[in-house]
């Protein structure tokens, strides 16, 4: 089974990796945490795809592996389109989970049925430097 740490290692092997140091990018002002050292904005990726600052693009999956595979596909697609060689991490991706209660009648049960859902969130930038 693929883990999010496997995808992080894959990305770090593909690119020159620059971890977030807590420093703002040039001219970042109050939005410093969203601007990379190159002056470009970081991109937030959920397992449902990329999202802009303030935008909600949430997705969750019944399978942790499916969440990882979906997150990986979104990031690799972004990397291909960007064409850069440097990976700037703002937030290394992490797996989260929550329990959702689904109407029990869907499962031929009388009570709501608990279902564990998995999601991933990470912030990064792939740049030419």
C-alpha atoms as a PDB file:
ATOM      1  CA  UNK A   1       0.000   0.000   0.000  1.00  0.00           C
ATOM      2  CA  UNK A   2       1.304   3.445  -0.917  1.00  0.00           C
ATOM      3  CA  UNK A   3       1.680   5.977   1.899  1.00  0.00           C
ATOM      4  CA  UNK A   4       1.872   9.780   1.685  1.00  0.00           C
ATOM      5  CA  UNK A   5       5.504   9.532   2.855  1.00  0.00           C
ATOM      6  CA  UNK A   6       6.233   7.453  -0.284  1.00  0.00           C
ATOM      7  CA  UNK A   7       4.893  10.260  -2.468  1.00  0.00           C
ATOM      8  CA  UNK A   8       6.910  12.874  -0.559  1.00  0.00           C
ATOM      9  CA  UNK A   9      10.054  10.777  -1.100  1.00  0.00           C
ATOM     10  CA  UNK A  10       9.192  10.388  -4.801  1.00  0.00           C
ATOM     11  CA  UNK A  11       8.783  14.149  -5.228  1.00  0.00           C
ATOM     12  CA  UNK A  12      11.956  14.928  -3.299  1.00  0.00           C
ATOM     13  CA  UNK A  13      13.874  12.515  -5.560  1.00  0.00           C
ATOM     14  CA  UNK A  14      12.498  14.241  -8.681  1.00  0.00           C
ATOM     15  CA  UNK A  15      13.315  17.826  -7.667  1.00  0.00           C
ATOM     16  CA  UNK A  16      15.817  19.914  -5.764  1.00  0.00           C
ATOM     17  CA  UNK A  17      13.944  20.276  -2.487  1.00  0.00           C
ATOM     18  CA  UNK A  18      13.799  23.495  -0.446  1.00  0.00           C
ATOM     19  CA  UNK A  19      12.035  23.187   2.925  1.00  0.00           C
ATOM     20  CA  UNK A  20      10.051  26.098   4.299  1.00  0.00           C
ATOM     21  CA  UNK A  21      12.207  28.195   6.625  1.00  0.00           C
ATOM     22  CA  UNK A  22       9.482  30.466   7.945  1.00  0.00           C
ATOM     23  CA  UNK A  23      10.720  33.337   5.797  1.00  0.00           C
ATOM     24  CA  UNK A  24       8.393  35.412   3.640  1.00  0.00           C
ATOM     25  CA  UNK A  25       8.937  35.879  -0.037  1.00  0.00           C
ATOM     26  CA  UNK A  26       9.903  39.280  -1.469  1.00  0.00           C
ATOM     27  CA  UNK A  27       7.148  41.851  -1.051  1.00  0.00           C
ATOM     28  CA  UNK A  28       5.007  39.336   0.805  1.00  0.00           C
ATOM     29  CA  UNK A  29       3.717  41.753   3.443  1.00  0.00           C
ATOM     30  CA  UNK A  30       0.921  40.278   5.542  1.00  0.00           C
ATOM     31  CA  UNK A  31       0.585  37.341   3.148  1.00  0.00           C
ATOM     32  CA  UNK A  32       4.127  36.119   3.838  1.00  0.00           C
ATOM     33  CA  UNK A  33       3.187  32.535   4.570  1.00  0.00           C
ATOM     34  CA  UNK A  34       1.553  32.190   1.163  1.00  0.00           C
ATOM     35  CA  UNK A  35       4.500  33.535  -0.845  1.00  0.00           C
ATOM     36  CA  UNK A  36       7.590  31.467  -1.641  1.00  0.00           C
ATOM     37  CA  UNK A  37      11.178  32.771  -1.579  1.00  0.00           C
ATOM     38  CA  UNK A  38      10.881  33.259  -5.368  1.00  0.00           C
ATOM     39  CA  UNK A  39       7.938  35.635  -4.895  1.00  0.00           C
ATOM     40  CA  UNK A  40       5.530  33.101  -6.371  1.00  0.00           C
ATOM     41  CA  UNK A  41       2.533  31.902  -4.344  1.00  0.00           C
ATOM     42  CA  UNK A  42       2.498  28.438  -2.858  1.00  0.00           C
ATOM     43  CA  UNK A  43      -0.276  26.164  -4.073  1.00  0.00           C
ATOM     44  CA  UNK A  44      -2.392  24.174  -1.632  1.00  0.00           C
ATOM     45  CA  UNK A  45      -3.235  20.652  -2.749  1.00  0.00           C
ATOM     46  CA  UNK A  46      -5.995  18.574  -1.222  1.00  0.00           C
ATOM     47  CA  UNK A  47      -6.726  15.119  -2.530  1.00  0.00           C
ATOM     48  CA  UNK A  48      -9.421  16.878  -4.571  1.00  0.00           C
ATOM     49  CA  UNK A  49      -6.894  19.018  -6.419  1.00  0.00           C
ATOM     50  CA  UNK A  50      -5.272  22.435  -6.168  1.00  0.00           C
ATOM     51  CA  UNK A  51      -6.910  25.373  -4.444  1.00  0.00           C
ATOM     52  CA  UNK A  52      -6.256  29.099  -4.404  1.00  0.00           C
ATOM     53  CA  UNK A  53      -5.986  31.086  -1.178  1.00  0.00           C
ATOM     54  CA  UNK A  54      -9.418  31.216   0.458  1.00  0.00           C
ATOM     55  CA  UNK A  55     -10.939  28.677  -1.924  1.00  0.00           C
ATOM     56  CA  UNK A  56     -12.434  25.432  -0.657  1.00  0.00           C
ATOM     57  CA  UNK A  57     -11.667  22.361  -2.727  1.00  0.00           C
ATOM     58  CA  UNK A  58     -12.232  19.518  -0.351  1.00  0.00           C
ATOM     59  CA  UNK A  59     -12.362  15.859  -1.143  1.00  0.00           C
ATOM     60  CA  UNK A  60     -12.221  12.786   1.000  1.00  0.00           C
ATOM     61  CA  UNK A  61     -12.033   9.117   0.161  1.00  0.00           C
ATOM     62  CA  UNK A  62     -13.181   5.876   1.771  1.00  0.00           C
ATOM     63  CA  UNK A  63      -9.649   4.531   1.312  1.00  0.00           C
ATOM     64  CA  UNK A  64      -6.404   6.072   2.579  1.00  0.00           C
ATOM     65  CA  UNK A  65      -4.592   4.646  -0.434  1.00  0.00           C
ATOM     66  CA  UNK A  66      -7.084   6.221  -2.835  1.00  0.00           C
ATOM     67  CA  UNK A  67      -6.562   9.608  -1.146  1.00  0.00           C
ATOM     68  CA  UNK A  68      -2.785   9.263  -1.559  1.00  0.00           C
ATOM     69  CA  UNK A  69      -3.040   8.204  -5.202  1.00  0.00           C
ATOM     70  CA  UNK A  70      -5.393  11.077  -6.026  1.00  0.00           C
ATOM     71  CA  UNK A  71      -3.164  13.647  -4.267  1.00  0.00           C
ATOM     72  CA  UNK A  72      -0.144  12.262  -6.118  1.00  0.00           C
ATOM     73  CA  UNK A  73      -1.847  12.547  -9.513  1.00  0.00           C
ATOM     74  CA  UNK A  74      -2.834  16.176  -8.898  1.00  0.00           C
ATOM     75  CA  UNK A  75       0.682  17.157  -7.829  1.00  0.00           C
ATOM     76  CA  UNK A  76       2.410  15.302 -10.676  1.00  0.00           C
ATOM     77  CA  UNK A  77       0.063  16.962 -13.180  1.00  0.00           C
ATOM     78  CA  UNK A  78       0.879  20.367 -11.665  1.00  0.00           C
ATOM     79  CA  UNK A  79       4.625  19.568 -11.772  1.00  0.00           C
ATOM     80  CA  UNK A  80       4.429  18.610 -15.438  1.00  0.00           C
ATOM     81  CA  UNK A  81       2.611  21.841 -16.319  1.00  0.00           C
ATOM     82  CA  UNK A  82       5.017  24.013 -14.279  1.00  0.00           C
ATOM     83  CA  UNK A  83       8.128  22.486 -15.812  1.00  0.00           C
ATOM     84  CA  UNK A  84      10.355  23.565 -12.927  1.00  0.00           C
ATOM     85  CA  UNK A  85      13.166  21.767 -11.175  1.00  0.00           C
ATOM     86  CA  UNK A  86      12.875  23.120  -7.616  1.00  0.00           C
ATOM     87  CA  UNK A  87      10.301  21.979  -5.074  1.00  0.00           C
ATOM     88  CA  UNK A  88       9.552  24.481  -2.323  1.00  0.00           C
ATOM     89  CA  UNK A  89       7.665  22.965   0.585  1.00  0.00           C
ATOM     90  CA  UNK A  90       5.431  25.232   2.641  1.00  0.00           C
ATOM     91  CA  UNK A  91       3.564  22.367   4.317  1.00  0.00           C
ATOM     92  CA  UNK A  92       4.607  18.764   3.755  1.00  0.00           C
ATOM     93  CA  UNK A  93       1.392  16.803   3.073  1.00  0.00           C
ATOM     94  CA  UNK A  94      -0.307  14.988   5.903  1.00  0.00           C
ATOM     95  CA  UNK A  95      -3.077  12.429   5.998  1.00  0.00           C
ATOM     96  CA  UNK A  96      -6.142  13.214   8.055  1.00  0.00           C
ATOM     97  CA  UNK A  97      -9.267  11.218   8.739  1.00  0.00           C
ATOM     98  CA  UNK A  98     -12.729  11.765  10.141  1.00  0.00           C
ATOM     99  CA  UNK A  99     -15.844   9.725  10.738  1.00  0.00           C
ATOM    100  CA  UNK A 100     -18.945  10.457   8.749  1.00  0.00           C
ATOM    101  CA  UNK A 101     -22.299   8.893   9.602  1.00  0.00           C
ATOM    102  CA  UNK A 102     -24.195   7.693   6.562  1.00  0.00           C
ATOM    103  CA  UNK A 103     -27.923   7.023   6.563  1.00  0.00           C
ATOM    104  CA  UNK A 104     -28.309   3.441   7.736  1.00  0.00           C
ATOM    105  CA  UNK A 105     -31.039   2.656   5.220  1.00  0.00           C
ATOM    106  CA  UNK A 106     -28.374   2.735   2.510  1.00  0.00           C
ATOM    107  CA  UNK A 107     -26.753  -0.252   4.223  1.00  0.00           C
ATOM    108  CA  UNK A 108     -30.023  -2.001   5.153  1.00  0.00           C
ATOM    109  CA  UNK A 109     -29.461  -0.966   8.751  1.00  0.00           C
ATOM    110  CA  UNK A 110     -31.755   0.901  11.106  1.00  0.00           C
ATOM    111  CA  UNK A 111     -29.084   3.195  12.547  1.00  0.00           C
ATOM    112  CA  UNK A 112     -26.652   5.583  10.857  1.00  0.00           C
ATOM    113  CA  UNK A 113     -23.529   3.766   9.713  1.00  0.00           C
ATOM    114  CA  UNK A 114     -20.091   5.221  10.647  1.00  0.00           C
ATOM    115  CA  UNK A 115     -17.655   5.509   7.733  1.00  0.00           C
ATOM    116  CA  UNK A 116     -14.020   6.612   8.030  1.00  0.00           C
ATOM    117  CA  UNK A 117     -13.003   9.139   5.379  1.00  0.00           C
ATOM    118  CA  UNK A 118      -9.424  10.104   4.471  1.00  0.00           C
ATOM    119  CA  UNK A 119      -8.059  13.410   3.211  1.00  0.00           C
ATOM    120  CA  UNK A 120      -4.666  14.985   2.499  1.00  0.00           C
ATOM    121  CA  UNK A 121      -3.473  18.572   2.493  1.00  0.00           C
ATOM    122  CA  UNK A 122      -0.077  19.993   1.564  1.00  0.00           C
ATOM    123  CA  UNK A 123       1.301  23.333   0.298  1.00  0.00           C
ATOM    124  CA  UNK A 124       4.117  23.566  -2.212  1.00  0.00           C
ATOM    125  CA  UNK A 125       5.517  25.320  -5.229  1.00  0.00           C
ATOM    126  CA  UNK A 126       7.411  23.874  -8.151  1.00  0.00           C
ATOM    127  CA  UNK A 127       9.486  26.575  -9.790  1.00  0.00           C
ATOM    128  CA  UNK A 128      12.326  27.175 -12.189  1.00  0.00           C
ATOM    129  CA  UNK A 129      13.984  29.120  -9.373  1.00  0.00           C
END
